[in-house]
Structure formats: structure tokens, C-alpha cells
Amino acid sequence: MRSTKTPRPGEQPLLSSYHSSDDEERGRRTLRGGNRRGSPLPLTSTSSAHTPTYSHFAVPDLTTSRPTLSRRSTNQLRSRSPTSARLEAKRKYTYAAVFLVTSLVSFVVQTELASYIQHDLGWNKAYAMLYLTHGSWVFLWPLQLLFLRLQRREQSWHQFWNNHKQILRKTAQMVERQEVRVPRGMGADRSPWPYLARTTAVVTTALTVAGSSWYVAVSMTTPSDLTAIYNCSAFFAYAFSIPLLKERLRLDKMVAVFVAIIGVLVVAYGGGSSSDEAGQAGPATRFAGNIVIGIGSVLYGLYEVLYKRYACPPDGTSANRSMMFANTFGSLIGVFTVLVLWIPIPVLHVLGWETFEMPTGETASLLLISVFANMVFSGSFLVLISLTSPVLSSVAALLTIFIVAIVDWCLTGQPLEAPAILGGLLIIAAFAMLSWSTWKEMNEEERKGPVDLSSDSGDED
């Protein structure tokens, strides 16, 4: 039976528009020609009050029938036009380029200082240095918070802090669900922090074991083997990306990774010193060291992919939100390192494998700078992976081999050998190929599905 309820003043009868033949025909025309292709919702119009809000065949506007998302949120999460997709991809790539340069510079500073501290100053404490560098990541989020606060001084601290917590919580839910849209209900009110705690433990363990393998193998095998095998992590990052990130097998990517590894091999073995180095360690010891560093290479590639899969926001997330959460997760890695990974230090001391000794004087000062440089590198590298891919980031990290060689040339005056130049050029060519492939992929991904268009300025509902 048709409802005879009298509407309140100013209220439209919900079903009145369905019983006008003119309105019905107008609704059909709207469905046939007025909507975007593939969209179940009609375009917003400025017609009169008698125009039907939606046609017979359209799905009702959920934002008015139930309070799933705020009006601001639904405006921020929608499909993006090709032009907007290209702009957002360009924005992400610009940020990625800035953080790439930052990571390369900071890595060179850290490497040169670490080498000087260990070899010239004699403070050769591999695990202690690893603990200090990874533990320093705990400062990534506080420094980011300070930077954001300086940008928004006009807000009260209470408003700024509440908005920041809300953004982090919502982004953490996006990470856990791997969805840009996080509707209320359906478990959305569940705290995401237990998930992040488990993810932090797994990712940090893989990172620490991979990093420790380098320090263990450095005295067992040759520097050439160490460099060549450990930097094959780019290959393993691509291998793990296929099952975990559902990456497609692309010929251009495979060729780029292959060329990069060839470049590393040329740098490592092209200098003619591998035969001299081989005499420093017996065959059995060298083989064992290569096994250790091989495991580290696999784990480092796995660490990068695990971080991308389980600790990064999904494709379609805005660049600002991705960068903010990358530094936050980096701080979680630092917290886990400080609270848990101190345990091996007294064990190594008791066993006599690495005697604990506090750095003093010049060693302490340079170590502090080296640790800070590592924190900058690691934060930039996490952002780079979040904005692009583990494969591109791994190949980009290989650029440091060539850059460090150039810096050594400037510092020591020893010119670069031809293999170092050739290998460096191969790595640069591989990075250029992979950058172009990643740029095309980012443009494709930005056109798919819902996209987070929020400014992440901390003023969300």
C-alpha cells in the first residue's frame, strides 16, 4: 500500500518522484546518457526539487542512507581522471627523486665514516654499530612530528595532536586491510596496533639478520665476493615481489635487474684483485662466508618486499600519507631494536666474540654522525620503497657502489679503474631502465580503483 504519511515542512516525500511518468522517463535518460561509464551513481545536478534523486536502476547514495563515511571522506576517496592520475604519479615520482638523492648522499657519508671508525680508529664492533644505527630509527617519527608541527603552528596543540593520531590510525587500518577505503563497521573500529606490532617484529628480524650476515661474513670471505653476493638482493627483491606483491613478469624489469647484477659483478671482480684476496681465506672458510652472505642477500630482498607488502599503505594512497607512515613504521623498527635486540650484546661479550666497549673521544663523535647519517638514509629508503617499489629501490641502492668509488677517488687520489667505470655505467643504465618501467606502472596504477585524495593536513573529520 502506498504510504500516506505527511512529510514534515521542508522534507521531500522519498517515493513521490517514482510515480511521475515524466520523471520516470527523465530518470531513464539520465541512466543512459548522464552517468559516467561504470559508475552506479548519477552525476550531481542542480535540477528542481521534482527531479528524482536517483533513477529506478541506480544504487541509492550510501552517504545519505547510512553514515558510513563523512562527506569530506567520500570526496577524498574517489576514482581519479587520467589527468589527475598523471599528476599524482608525477608528484610521487618527484618526492621519490628527492628521497633517492638524500639516501644516496647520506649512505656515502655513513659508509665513509663507518670505514674510518672501524679500520683507522680501531673501534671494530660490528653488532654494536648495527644496534646503534638501527636503534637510531626511533627518532624518525619524533623528528617528523616536529617538522609537521612547525608547518601548522596556527593549530592548537590539542587539535594538531588529535588530528595526527587520527591520520596515523586510519592509515594503519588501510595498511592492515590493504584498502584505500576503510568504512566504519565491519571491524574498522578494531585497533590496528597489534597487527603493526607483529609486522614490526617480523620485518625487523629479517632486517637485523640480513645486516648481521654482512658483518659475520666480512672476515670469512673476500671483499669482492661480499660485494657481489650481497648486492644480488635486487634479484631476490624482484623474485619475492612476484608471489607477495603480485608483480607481473615484465621483460624490461628482468633485463634491468640482470644488467644491474652484471654491473656489480664487473665492479667486484674486474679489478684483478680477487686472486690476491682469495689467498687471505681458505677455500672452506670462503665458501662458508659466501653461504652466510648469500643468506643475508636473500633476507634483505625479503625484508624489502615484506615491508612493502605488510607495512606500506595500498596503491592509491596519497604521497603525503605514504611518507608520513613510512617514517612512523621506521620508528617502530627502532623501538623494537632498542627494546629487544640489545640482548645479543652481553651474549657476544660473554662468549668473547665481540667485547663491549664504549666509544670515546673522536670515535664517539664520528660514530654519532655516522648513526645520524644512517637514520637519514634509512628513513629516505623506507619512503622510497613506499612510493615506488622494492625492486627500483634495490637497484637505486646499487648506485652507491659507484658513488662511493668516486668519493674514494676524491679522498685518496687513486683513480678509478676501467672495470669500476664500466660496472658503474651498467648500474646507471639499469636504474634508468627500471625507473622508466616503474613510471609507466605508477601511471597505470593511479588510474585504477579508488584513490585517496586527502591532503593529509590533519583536518579530517
Protein backbone atom coordinates (compact mmCIF):
# COMPACT_ATOMS: atom_id res chain seq x y z
CA MET A 1 0.00 0.00 0.00
CA ARG A 2 1.28 3.46 -0.88
CA SER A 3 2.36 5.43 2.15
CA THR A 4 0.12 8.37 3.06
CA LYS A 5 2.47 9.81 5.68
CA THR A 6 2.50 13.60 5.54
CA PRO A 7 6.05 14.90 5.19
CA ARG A 8 7.40 17.44 7.59
CA PRO A 9 7.82 21.02 6.42
CA GLY A 10 10.77 21.23 4.01
CA GLU A 11 11.01 17.43 3.68
CA GLN A 12 10.73 15.71 0.28
CA PRO A 13 8.47 12.64 0.06
CA LEU A 14 11.01 9.89 -0.62
CA LEU A 15 8.87 7.99 -3.14
CA SER A 16 6.92 10.79 -4.77
CA SER A 17 9.31 11.06 -7.72
CA TYR A 18 8.75 7.44 -8.71
CA HIS A 19 5.10 7.92 -9.67
CA SER A 20 5.51 10.56 -12.34
CA SER A 21 5.82 9.18 -15.86
CA ASP A 22 7.74 12.29 -16.97
CA ASP A 23 10.15 11.90 -14.11
CA GLU A 24 10.48 8.21 -14.82
CA GLU A 25 11.41 8.81 -18.45
CA ARG A 26 13.81 11.54 -17.39
CA GLY A 27 15.43 9.08 -14.96
CA ARG A 28 15.93 6.55 -17.79
CA ARG A 29 17.55 9.19 -19.99
CA THR A 30 19.84 10.12 -17.12
CA LEU A 31 20.85 6.49 -16.67
CA ARG A 32 21.53 6.04 -20.40
CA GLY A 33 23.46 9.21 -21.10
CA GLY A 34 24.21 11.21 -17.97
CA ASN A 35 26.31 8.86 -15.90
CA ARG A 36 29.98 8.13 -16.15
CA ARG A 37 30.67 4.74 -17.65
CA GLY A 38 30.82 2.08 -14.99
CA SER A 39 29.52 4.33 -12.22
CA PRO A 40 26.28 3.28 -10.47
CA LEU A 41 25.64 6.77 -9.14
CA PRO A 42 24.20 9.61 -11.28
CA LEU A 43 26.09 12.85 -11.59
CA THR A 44 25.08 15.62 -9.25
CA SER A 45 22.68 18.05 -10.89
CA THR A 46 21.13 21.36 -9.99
CA SER A 47 17.62 20.47 -11.16
CA SER A 48 14.43 21.38 -9.39
CA ALA A 49 13.00 19.68 -6.36
CA HIS A 50 10.79 17.46 -8.55
CA THR A 51 13.75 15.87 -10.33
CA PRO A 52 14.27 12.35 -8.96
CA THR A 53 17.26 11.98 -6.71
CA TYR A 54 18.14 8.68 -8.39
CA SER A 55 16.63 6.52 -11.08
CA HIS A 56 14.98 3.11 -10.81
CA PHE A 57 18.14 1.31 -11.77
CA ALA A 58 20.69 3.33 -9.82
CA VAL A 59 22.01 2.33 -6.41
CA PRO A 60 20.97 4.80 -3.68
CA ASP A 61 23.66 7.17 -2.46
CA LEU A 62 25.06 5.35 0.56
CA THR A 63 26.45 8.52 2.10
CA THR A 64 22.90 9.77 2.65
CA SER A 65 21.31 6.46 3.63
CA ARG A 66 23.85 5.47 6.26
CA PRO A 67 26.74 7.26 7.98
CA THR A 68 29.49 5.07 6.58
CA LEU A 69 31.90 7.84 5.65
CA SER A 70 31.79 11.56 6.20
CA ARG A 71 31.01 13.83 3.27
CA ARG A 72 34.61 15.06 3.32
CA SER A 73 35.95 11.50 3.28
CA THR A 74 33.83 10.43 0.32
CA ASN A 75 35.05 13.46 -1.60
CA GLN A 76 38.62 12.47 -0.81
CA LEU A 77 38.21 8.83 -1.89
CA ARG A 78 37.09 8.53 -5.48
CA SER A 79 38.23 7.43 -8.88
CA ARG A 80 40.72 9.73 -10.48
CA SER A 81 40.71 11.08 -14.03
CA PRO A 82 43.68 10.24 -16.29
CA THR A 83 44.98 13.80 -15.92
CA SER A 84 44.81 13.66 -12.12
CA ALA A 85 46.40 10.22 -12.18
CA ARG A 86 49.36 11.51 -14.15
CA LEU A 87 49.73 14.48 -11.79
CA GLU A 88 49.68 12.26 -8.71
CA ALA A 89 52.15 9.83 -10.28
CA LYS A 90 54.42 12.78 -11.13
CA ARG A 91 54.10 14.06 -7.58
CA LYS A 92 55.08 10.68 -6.14
CA TYR A 93 57.99 10.37 -8.53
CA THR A 94 59.22 13.85 -7.63
CA TYR A 95 59.17 13.02 -3.94
CA ALA A 96 60.87 9.70 -4.68
CA ALA A 97 63.64 11.50 -6.60
CA VAL A 98 64.27 13.85 -3.66
CA PHE A 99 64.47 10.98 -1.18
CA LEU A 100 66.66 8.98 -3.58
CA VAL A 101 69.25 11.76 -3.69
CA THR A 102 69.00 12.15 0.09
CA SER A 103 69.50 8.43 0.65
CA LEU A 104 72.50 8.26 -1.69
CA VAL A 105 74.28 11.21 -0.06
CA SER A 106 73.60 10.01 3.50
CA PHE A 107 74.68 6.44 2.64
CA VAL A 108 78.02 7.65 1.28
CA VAL A 109 78.60 9.71 4.44
CA GLN A 110 77.71 6.75 6.66
CA THR A 111 79.88 4.30 4.69
CA GLU A 112 82.98 6.50 4.69
CA LEU A 113 82.65 7.29 8.41
CA ALA A 114 81.96 3.66 9.36
CA SER A 115 85.00 2.50 7.41
CA TYR A 116 87.20 5.13 9.10
CA ILE A 117 85.87 4.26 12.57
CA GLN A 118 86.42 0.52 12.13
CA HIS A 119 89.73 0.45 10.29
CA ASP A 120 91.55 3.65 11.24
CA LEU A 121 90.26 4.28 14.75
CA GLY A 122 90.08 0.58 15.65
CA TRP A 123 86.51 0.52 17.03
CA ASN A 124 85.53 -2.66 15.18
CA LYS A 125 82.28 -3.53 16.97
CA ALA A 126 80.06 -4.81 14.19
CA TYR A 127 76.91 -5.75 16.11
CA ALA A 128 77.14 -2.77 18.45
CA MET A 129 77.31 -0.47 15.43
CA LEU A 130 74.36 -2.29 13.86
CA TYR A 131 72.38 -1.90 17.08
CA LEU A 132 73.14 1.81 17.32
CA THR A 133 72.33 2.55 13.68
CA HIS A 134 69.04 0.63 13.61
CA GLY A 135 68.11 1.86 17.08
CA SER A 136 68.51 5.46 15.89
CA TRP A 137 65.46 4.97 13.67
CA VAL A 138 63.36 5.54 16.76
CA PHE A 139 63.87 9.29 16.20
CA LEU A 140 62.28 9.29 12.73
CA TRP A 141 58.73 9.82 13.96
CA PRO A 142 59.55 12.49 16.61
CA LEU A 143 61.54 14.47 14.03
CA GLN A 144 58.69 14.14 11.55
CA LEU A 145 56.22 15.28 14.22
CA LEU A 146 58.36 18.33 14.94
CA PHE A 147 58.53 19.18 11.23
CA LEU A 148 54.74 18.86 10.83
CA ARG A 149 54.15 20.93 13.95
CA LEU A 150 56.32 23.75 12.60
CA GLN A 151 54.24 23.68 9.42
CA ARG A 152 50.97 24.02 11.36
CA ARG A 153 51.75 26.40 14.13
CA GLU A 154 48.36 28.08 13.69
CA GLN A 155 46.64 25.00 15.14
CA SER A 156 46.39 24.40 18.86
CA TRP A 157 48.50 21.50 20.12
CA HIS A 158 45.38 19.59 21.18
CA GLN A 159 43.83 19.87 17.71
CA PHE A 160 47.11 19.08 15.93
CA TRP A 161 47.83 16.04 18.10
CA ASN A 162 44.33 14.57 17.78
CA ASN A 163 44.32 15.02 14.00
CA HIS A 164 47.77 13.48 13.70
CA LYS A 165 46.74 10.44 15.73
CA GLN A 166 43.59 10.05 13.66
CA ILE A 167 45.55 10.14 10.39
CA LEU A 168 48.04 7.55 11.66
CA ARG A 169 45.27 5.29 12.94
CA LYS A 170 43.34 5.48 9.68
CA THR A 171 46.50 4.87 7.64
CA ALA A 172 47.36 1.88 9.85
CA GLN A 173 43.89 0.47 9.15
CA MET A 174 44.49 0.99 5.42
CA VAL A 175 47.77 -0.90 5.77
CA GLU A 176 46.17 -3.80 7.64
CA ARG A 177 43.22 -4.12 5.25
CA GLN A 178 45.23 -3.11 2.15
CA GLU A 179 42.28 -0.98 1.07
CA VAL A 180 42.10 2.75 0.47
CA ARG A 181 38.51 2.88 1.71
CA VAL A 182 38.09 1.99 5.36
CA PRO A 183 34.32 2.11 6.05
CA ARG A 184 33.07 2.24 9.59
CA GLY A 185 31.76 -1.01 10.94
CA MET A 186 32.91 -4.42 9.70
CA GLY A 187 35.78 -4.42 12.22
CA ALA A 188 37.04 -0.97 11.24
CA ASP A 189 36.94 0.13 14.91
CA ARG A 190 39.43 -2.60 15.84
CA SER A 191 42.83 -1.27 16.82
CA PRO A 192 45.49 -1.79 14.11
CA TRP A 193 48.41 -1.62 16.54
CA PRO A 194 48.57 -5.36 17.41
CA TYR A 195 48.91 -6.07 13.68
CA LEU A 196 51.67 -3.47 13.39
CA ALA A 197 53.47 -4.93 16.42
CA ARG A 198 53.58 -8.38 14.81
CA THR A 199 54.62 -6.93 11.45
CA THR A 200 57.37 -4.86 13.08
CA ALA A 201 58.79 -7.94 14.82
CA VAL A 202 58.94 -9.98 11.59
CA VAL A 203 60.30 -7.19 9.37
CA THR A 204 62.90 -6.06 11.92
CA THR A 205 64.11 -9.61 12.49
CA ALA A 206 64.63 -10.13 8.75
CA LEU A 207 66.45 -6.80 8.51
CA THR A 208 68.70 -7.49 11.51
CA VAL A 209 69.69 -10.99 10.40
CA ALA A 210 70.42 -9.68 6.89
CA GLY A 211 72.54 -6.84 8.23
CA SER A 212 74.36 -9.06 10.71
CA SER A 213 75.28 -11.54 7.97
CA TRP A 214 77.37 -8.86 6.29
CA TYR A 215 79.40 -8.27 9.45
CA VAL A 216 79.81 -12.01 10.06
CA ALA A 217 80.93 -12.77 6.50
CA VAL A 218 83.31 -9.81 6.16
CA SER A 219 86.11 -11.72 7.91
CA MET A 220 85.34 -15.05 6.22
CA THR A 221 85.26 -14.24 2.52
CA THR A 222 86.80 -11.75 0.09
CA PRO A 223 85.54 -8.16 -0.35
CA SER A 224 84.73 -8.94 -3.98
CA ASP A 225 82.53 -11.92 -3.06
CA LEU A 226 80.95 -9.88 -0.28
CA THR A 227 80.03 -7.01 -2.61
CA ALA A 228 78.83 -9.18 -5.47
CA ILE A 229 76.69 -11.61 -3.47
CA TYR A 230 75.15 -9.15 -1.02
CA ASN A 231 74.06 -6.78 -3.77
CA CYS A 232 72.22 -9.57 -5.55
CA SER A 233 69.40 -8.69 -3.13
CA ALA A 234 67.90 -6.72 -6.04
CA PHE A 235 67.25 -10.02 -7.82
CA PHE A 236 65.70 -11.58 -4.72
CA ALA A 237 63.55 -8.49 -4.17
CA TYR A 238 62.09 -8.99 -7.65
CA ALA A 239 61.72 -12.74 -7.07
CA PHE A 240 59.78 -12.21 -3.83
CA SER A 241 57.71 -9.40 -5.37
CA ILE A 242 56.07 -11.81 -7.81
CA PRO A 243 54.28 -14.01 -5.22
CA LEU A 244 53.92 -11.47 -2.40
CA LEU A 245 53.16 -8.27 -4.32
CA LYS A 246 51.53 -9.97 -7.33
CA GLU A 247 54.06 -8.34 -9.64
CA ARG A 248 53.80 -9.28 -13.27
CA LEU A 249 56.80 -10.78 -15.03
CA ARG A 250 57.93 -7.90 -17.21
CA LEU A 251 60.76 -8.26 -19.69
CA ASP A 252 62.03 -4.72 -19.16
CA LYS A 253 62.28 -5.23 -15.38
CA MET A 254 64.03 -8.58 -15.71
CA VAL A 255 66.54 -7.12 -18.15
CA ALA A 256 67.17 -4.11 -15.85
CA VAL A 257 67.81 -6.31 -12.81
CA PHE A 258 70.07 -8.59 -14.86
CA VAL A 259 72.09 -5.64 -16.18
CA ALA A 260 72.43 -4.23 -12.63
CA ILE A 261 73.79 -7.51 -11.28
CA ILE A 262 76.22 -7.76 -14.21
CA GLY A 263 77.41 -4.26 -13.31
CA VAL A 264 78.00 -5.32 -9.70
CA LEU A 265 79.96 -8.38 -10.83
CA VAL A 266 82.13 -6.24 -13.12
CA VAL A 267 82.90 -3.85 -10.25
CA ALA A 268 83.61 -6.68 -7.81
CA TYR A 269 85.75 -8.93 -9.98
CA GLY A 270 87.01 -6.71 -12.78
CA GLY A 271 89.88 -5.18 -10.81
CA GLY A 272 92.03 -8.30 -10.92
CA SER A 273 92.40 -8.43 -7.13
CA SER A 274 90.13 -11.39 -6.46
CA SER A 275 93.00 -13.87 -6.83
CA ASP A 276 95.05 -11.99 -4.23
CA GLU A 277 92.07 -11.77 -1.91
CA ALA A 278 91.38 -15.47 -2.23
CA GLY A 279 94.65 -16.26 -0.51
CA GLN A 280 93.54 -14.43 2.61
CA ALA A 281 90.94 -17.09 3.45
CA GLY A 282 90.93 -20.82 2.94
CA PRO A 283 88.52 -22.36 0.43
CA ALA A 284 86.30 -23.85 3.14
CA THR A 285 86.15 -20.59 5.10
CA ARG A 286 85.50 -18.58 1.96
CA PHE A 287 82.71 -20.95 0.93
CA ALA A 288 81.10 -20.71 4.37
CA GLY A 289 81.34 -16.92 4.24
CA ASN A 290 79.69 -16.88 0.82
CA ILE A 291 76.86 -19.03 2.18
CA VAL A 292 76.37 -16.63 5.08
CA ILE A 293 76.33 -13.54 2.87
CA GLY A 294 74.07 -15.34 0.39
CA ILE A 295 71.52 -15.92 3.14
CA GLY A 296 71.82 -12.26 4.07
CA SER A 297 71.21 -11.22 0.47
CA VAL A 298 68.05 -13.33 0.30
CA LEU A 299 66.80 -11.98 3.62
CA TYR A 300 67.47 -8.37 2.66
CA GLY A 301 65.43 -8.78 -0.52
CA LEU A 302 62.72 -10.45 1.57
CA TYR A 303 62.83 -7.61 4.12
CA GLU A 304 62.18 -5.02 1.41
CA VAL A 305 59.23 -6.94 -0.02
CA LEU A 306 57.75 -7.75 3.41
CA TYR A 307 57.90 -4.08 4.31
CA LYS A 308 56.18 -3.10 1.06
CA ARG A 309 53.51 -5.81 1.38
CA TYR A 310 52.64 -5.63 5.07
CA ALA A 311 53.74 -2.19 6.30
CA CYS A 312 53.01 0.21 3.42
CA PRO A 313 49.64 1.77 2.51
CA PRO A 314 48.00 0.29 -0.60
CA ASP A 315 48.30 1.68 -4.12
CA GLY A 316 46.21 4.82 -4.47
CA THR A 317 47.27 6.32 -1.14
CA SER A 318 48.38 9.93 -1.33
CA ALA A 319 52.10 10.65 -1.31
CA ASN A 320 51.99 12.66 1.92
CA ARG A 321 50.21 9.90 3.81
CA SER A 322 52.65 7.27 2.47
CA MET A 323 55.67 9.31 3.54
CA MET A 324 54.22 10.02 6.97
CA PHE A 325 53.53 6.37 7.68
CA ALA A 326 56.91 5.22 6.33
CA ASN A 327 58.73 7.28 8.95
CA THR A 328 56.30 6.13 11.63
CA PHE A 329 56.96 2.48 10.82
CA GLY A 330 60.69 3.22 10.76
CA SER A 331 60.35 4.44 14.34
CA LEU A 332 58.58 1.19 15.26
CA ILE A 333 61.59 -0.71 13.88
CA GLY A 334 63.81 1.49 16.04
CA VAL A 335 61.69 0.82 19.15
CA PHE A 336 61.83 -2.96 18.58
CA THR A 337 65.59 -2.76 18.08
CA VAL A 338 66.17 -0.75 21.26
CA LEU A 339 63.87 -2.86 23.45
CA VAL A 340 64.67 -6.36 22.14
CA LEU A 341 67.84 -6.53 20.08
CA TRP A 342 70.16 -5.40 22.89
CA ILE A 343 70.05 -8.99 24.17
CA PRO A 344 72.86 -10.32 21.87
CA ILE A 345 75.29 -7.62 23.07
CA PRO A 346 76.01 -9.17 26.53
CA VAL A 347 75.89 -12.66 24.99
CA LEU A 348 78.57 -11.73 22.44
CA HIS A 349 80.59 -10.10 25.24
CA VAL A 350 80.49 -13.20 27.46
CA LEU A 351 81.38 -15.51 24.58
CA GLY A 352 84.27 -13.25 23.64
CA TRP A 353 83.07 -12.84 20.06
CA GLU A 354 82.62 -9.06 20.41
CA THR A 355 83.82 -7.40 23.57
CA PHE A 356 81.63 -4.46 24.51
CA GLU A 357 83.49 -1.17 24.68
CA MET A 358 82.08 2.34 24.91
CA PRO A 359 83.35 4.67 22.19
CA THR A 360 85.13 7.79 23.39
CA GLY A 361 86.64 10.98 22.00
CA GLU A 362 86.87 11.24 18.23
CA THR A 363 85.38 7.77 17.80
CA ALA A 364 82.23 8.74 19.69
CA SER A 365 81.84 11.99 17.77
CA LEU A 366 82.23 10.41 14.35
CA LEU A 367 80.06 7.46 15.37
CA LEU A 368 77.29 9.89 16.30
CA ILE A 369 77.48 11.48 12.84
CA SER A 370 77.55 8.06 11.17
CA VAL A 371 74.49 6.92 13.13
CA PHE A 372 72.62 10.10 12.21
CA ALA A 373 73.53 9.61 8.54
CA ASN A 374 72.21 6.05 8.69
CA MET A 375 68.96 7.28 10.21
CA VAL A 376 68.53 9.76 7.34
CA PHE A 377 69.38 7.07 4.78
CA SER A 378 67.01 4.52 6.29
CA GLY A 379 64.11 6.94 6.60
CA SER A 380 64.61 8.06 2.99
CA PHE A 381 64.92 4.45 1.80
CA LEU A 382 61.69 3.42 3.54
CA VAL A 383 59.89 6.35 1.91
CA LEU A 384 61.40 5.42 -1.45
CA ILE A 385 60.10 1.85 -1.20
CA SER A 386 56.67 3.06 -0.10
CA LEU A 387 56.35 5.49 -3.01
CA THR A 388 57.80 3.20 -5.70
CA SER A 389 58.76 -0.47 -5.36
CA PRO A 390 61.33 -2.69 -3.63
CA VAL A 391 62.92 -3.56 -6.98
CA LEU A 392 63.55 0.05 -8.00
CA SER A 393 64.81 0.89 -4.52
CA SER A 394 67.22 -2.08 -4.54
CA VAL A 395 68.68 -1.13 -7.90
CA ALA A 396 68.87 2.51 -6.78
CA ALA A 397 70.89 1.39 -3.76
CA LEU A 398 73.41 -0.18 -6.14
CA LEU A 399 74.27 3.32 -7.34
CA THR A 400 76.08 3.80 -4.04
CA ILE A 401 78.77 1.34 -5.19
CA PHE A 402 79.79 3.68 -7.99
CA ILE A 403 79.33 6.83 -5.91
CA VAL A 404 81.46 5.50 -3.04
CA ALA A 405 84.19 4.61 -5.56
CA ILE A 406 84.13 8.18 -6.88
CA VAL A 407 84.32 9.60 -3.34
CA ASP A 408 87.25 7.31 -2.53
CA TRP A 409 88.96 8.59 -5.66
CA CYS A 410 88.49 12.17 -4.49
CA LEU A 411 89.68 11.42 -0.95
CA THR A 412 92.63 9.14 -1.71
CA GLY A 413 93.65 10.34 -5.16
CA GLN A 414 93.61 6.78 -6.51
CA PRO A 415 91.94 6.90 -9.94
CA LEU A 416 89.04 4.65 -10.86
CA GLU A 417 89.87 1.51 -12.77
CA ALA A 418 88.15 0.74 -16.06
CA PRO A 419 86.01 -2.11 -14.61
CA ALA A 420 84.68 0.21 -11.89
CA ILE A 421 83.67 2.76 -14.51
CA LEU A 422 82.10 0.13 -16.78
CA GLY A 423 80.25 -1.53 -13.92
CA GLY A 424 79.01 1.85 -12.67
CA LEU A 425 77.69 2.75 -16.11
CA LEU A 426 75.86 -0.59 -16.33
CA ILE A 427 74.23 0.04 -12.95
CA ILE A 428 73.19 3.54 -14.01
CA ALA A 429 71.73 2.18 -17.26
CA ALA A 430 69.81 -0.49 -15.32
CA PHE A 431 68.46 2.12 -12.93
CA ALA A 432 67.32 4.31 -15.84
CA MET A 433 65.54 1.35 -17.48
CA LEU A 434 63.85 0.39 -14.23
CA SER A 435 62.85 3.99 -13.49
CA TRP A 436 61.05 4.26 -16.83
CA SER A 437 59.29 0.93 -16.26
CA THR A 438 58.24 1.97 -12.76
CA TRP A 439 56.98 5.33 -14.03
CA LYS A 440 54.71 3.56 -16.52
CA GLU A 441 53.45 1.21 -13.82
CA MET A 442 52.71 4.06 -11.44
CA ASN A 443 50.66 5.82 -14.12
CA GLU A 444 48.69 2.64 -14.71
CA GLU A 445 48.08 2.01 -11.00
CA GLU A 446 46.94 5.57 -10.34
CA ARG A 447 44.12 5.13 -12.87
CA LYS A 448 42.77 2.01 -11.16
CA GLY A 449 40.32 1.84 -8.30
CA PRO A 450 39.59 4.40 -5.58
CA VAL A 451 42.29 6.88 -4.73
CA ASP A 452 42.98 8.80 -1.55
CA LEU A 453 42.78 12.47 -2.49
CA SER A 454 43.11 13.82 1.04
CA SER A 455 45.69 16.47 1.71
CA ASP A 456 46.73 14.74 4.93
CA SER A 457 46.91 18.08 6.58
CA GLY A 458 45.41 16.85 9.72
CA ASP A 459 41.95 18.31 9.29
CA GLU A 460 39.98 15.22 8.52
CA ASP A 461 36.70 14.50 10.15
